[in-house]
C-alpha atoms as a PDB file:
ATOM      1  CA  UNK A   1      18.791  -7.822  15.803  1.00  0.00           C
ATOM      2  CA  UNK A   2      17.688 -11.377  15.469  1.00  0.00           C
ATOM      3  CA  UNK A   3      19.266 -13.176  12.383  1.00  0.00           C
ATOM      4  CA  UNK A   4      15.744 -13.911  11.051  1.00  0.00           C
ATOM      5  CA  UNK A   5      14.922 -10.208  10.512  1.00  0.00           C
ATOM      6  CA  UNK A   6      18.228  -9.119   9.514  1.00  0.00           C
ATOM      7  CA  UNK A   7      17.900 -10.013   5.972  1.00  0.00           C
ATOM      8  CA  UNK A   8      14.534  -7.985   5.865  1.00  0.00           C
ATOM      9  CA  UNK A   9      16.240  -4.903   7.331  1.00  0.00           C
ATOM     10  CA  UNK A  10      19.051  -5.028   4.957  1.00  0.00           C
ATOM     11  CA  UNK A  11      16.632  -5.194   2.019  1.00  0.00           C
ATOM     12  CA  UNK A  12      14.560  -2.346   3.402  1.00  0.00           C
ATOM     13  CA  UNK A  13      17.662  -0.097   4.071  1.00  0.00           C
ATOM     14  CA  UNK A  14      18.817  -0.749   0.378  1.00  0.00           C
ATOM     15  CA  UNK A  15      15.189  -0.094  -1.011  1.00  0.00           C
ATOM     16  CA  UNK A  16      15.039   3.313   0.942  1.00  0.00           C
ATOM     17  CA  UNK A  17      18.555   4.152  -0.213  1.00  0.00           C
ATOM     18  CA  UNK A  18      17.289   4.081  -3.896  1.00  0.00           C
ATOM     19  CA  UNK A  19      14.068   6.008  -2.990  1.00  0.00           C
ATOM     20  CA  UNK A  20      13.426   9.688  -3.620  1.00  0.00           C
ATOM     21  CA  UNK A  21      12.731  10.265   0.129  1.00  0.00           C
ATOM     22  CA  UNK A  22      16.361   9.609   0.948  1.00  0.00           C
ATOM     23  CA  UNK A  23      18.142  10.699  -2.368  1.00  0.00           C
ATOM     24  CA  UNK A  24      16.287  13.628  -3.481  1.00  0.00           C
ATOM     25  CA  UNK A  25      14.730  14.766  -0.370  1.00  0.00           C
ATOM     26  CA  UNK A  26      17.707  14.198   1.776  1.00  0.00           C
ATOM     27  CA  UNK A  27      15.842  12.781   4.851  1.00  0.00           C
ATOM     28  CA  UNK A  28      16.986  10.135   7.083  1.00  0.00           C
ATOM     29  CA  UNK A  29      16.100   6.643   7.049  1.00  0.00           C
ATOM     30  CA  UNK A  30      14.047   6.825  10.126  1.00  0.00           C
ATOM     31  CA  UNK A  31      11.873   9.761   8.889  1.00  0.00           C
ATOM     32  CA  UNK A  32      11.390   7.953   5.441  1.00  0.00           C
ATOM     33  CA  UNK A  33      10.405   4.844   7.135  1.00  0.00           C
ATOM     34  CA  UNK A  34       8.095   6.319   9.899  1.00  0.00           C
ATOM     35  CA  UNK A  35       5.394   8.059   7.587  1.00  0.00           C
ATOM     36  CA  UNK A  36       3.336   7.199   4.778  1.00  0.00           C
ATOM     37  CA  UNK A  37       5.127   9.507   2.122  1.00  0.00           C
ATOM     38  CA  UNK A  38       4.290   9.202  -1.785  1.00  0.00           C
ATOM     39  CA  UNK A  39       7.882   9.322  -2.787  1.00  0.00           C
ATOM     40  CA  UNK A  40       8.442   5.739  -1.052  1.00  0.00           C
ATOM     41  CA  UNK A  41       7.824   3.050  -3.724  1.00  0.00           C
ATOM     42  CA  UNK A  42       5.279   0.334  -3.039  1.00  0.00           C
ATOM     43  CA  UNK A  43       8.171  -2.135  -2.784  1.00  0.00           C
ATOM     44  CA  UNK A  44       9.559  -0.433   0.240  1.00  0.00           C
ATOM     45  CA  UNK A  45       6.240  -0.125   2.026  1.00  0.00           C
ATOM     46  CA  UNK A  46       5.699  -3.738   1.668  1.00  0.00           C
ATOM     47  CA  UNK A  47       9.181  -4.476   2.960  1.00  0.00           C
ATOM     48  CA  UNK A  48       8.551  -2.142   5.856  1.00  0.00           C
ATOM     49  CA  UNK A  49       5.251  -3.944   6.759  1.00  0.00           C
ATOM     50  CA  UNK A  50       7.083  -7.277   6.493  1.00  0.00           C
ATOM     51  CA  UNK A  51       9.827  -6.204   8.679  1.00  0.00           C
ATOM     52  CA  UNK A  52       7.649  -4.775  11.507  1.00  0.00           C
ATOM     53  CA  UNK A  53       5.473  -7.867  11.348  1.00  0.00           C
ATOM     54  CA  UNK A  54       8.922  -9.988  11.761  1.00  0.00           C
ATOM     55  CA  UNK A  55      10.022  -7.952  14.693  1.00  0.00           C
ATOM     56  CA  UNK A  56       6.281  -8.023  16.187  1.00  0.00           C
ATOM     57  CA  UNK A  57       6.522 -11.725  15.850  1.00  0.00           C
ATOM     58  CA  UNK A  58       9.829 -12.046  17.630  1.00  0.00           C
ATOM     59  CA  UNK A  59       8.589 -10.133  20.271  1.00  0.00           C
ATOM     60  CA  UNK A  60       5.355 -11.973  21.043  1.00  0.00           C
ATOM     61  CA  UNK A  61       7.615 -15.283  20.957  1.00  0.00           C
ATOM     62  CA  UNK A  62      10.019 -13.793  23.681  1.00  0.00           C
ATOM     63  CA  UNK A  63       6.905 -12.619  25.749  1.00  0.00           C
ATOM     64  CA  UNK A  64       5.464 -15.928  25.548  1.00  0.00           C
ATOM     65  CA  UNK A  65       8.452 -17.903  26.603  1.00  0.00           C
ATOM     66  CA  UNK A  66       9.395 -15.327  29.254  1.00  0.00           C
ATOM     67  CA  UNK A  67       5.876 -15.671  30.953  1.00  0.00           C
ATOM     68  CA  UNK A  68       5.849 -19.281  30.765  1.00  0.00           C
ATOM     69  CA  UNK A  69       9.232 -19.434  32.571  1.00  0.00           C
ATOM     70  CA  UNK A  70       7.847 -16.942  35.262  1.00  0.00           C
ATOM     71  CA  UNK A  71       4.701 -19.127  35.842  1.00  0.00           C
ATOM     72  CA  UNK A  72       6.442 -22.499  35.943  1.00  0.00           C
ATOM     73  CA  UNK A  73       7.754 -21.448  39.439  1.00  0.00           C
END
């Protein structure tokens, strides 16, 4: 994982750890992050969207530079 998104991932895990989805319902982080559940606080939903956008941005930069490299030959 890139360092630029790692802080967001840590905050997201911490937020989900304190949510009812993980604490009360005993669901996995992956289950809680993958669905829109009413037991997930809006702060966690915002962090989830920010984290996904961060990862998406890194993928698009990677694809840009890798395609640029291939086209330069």
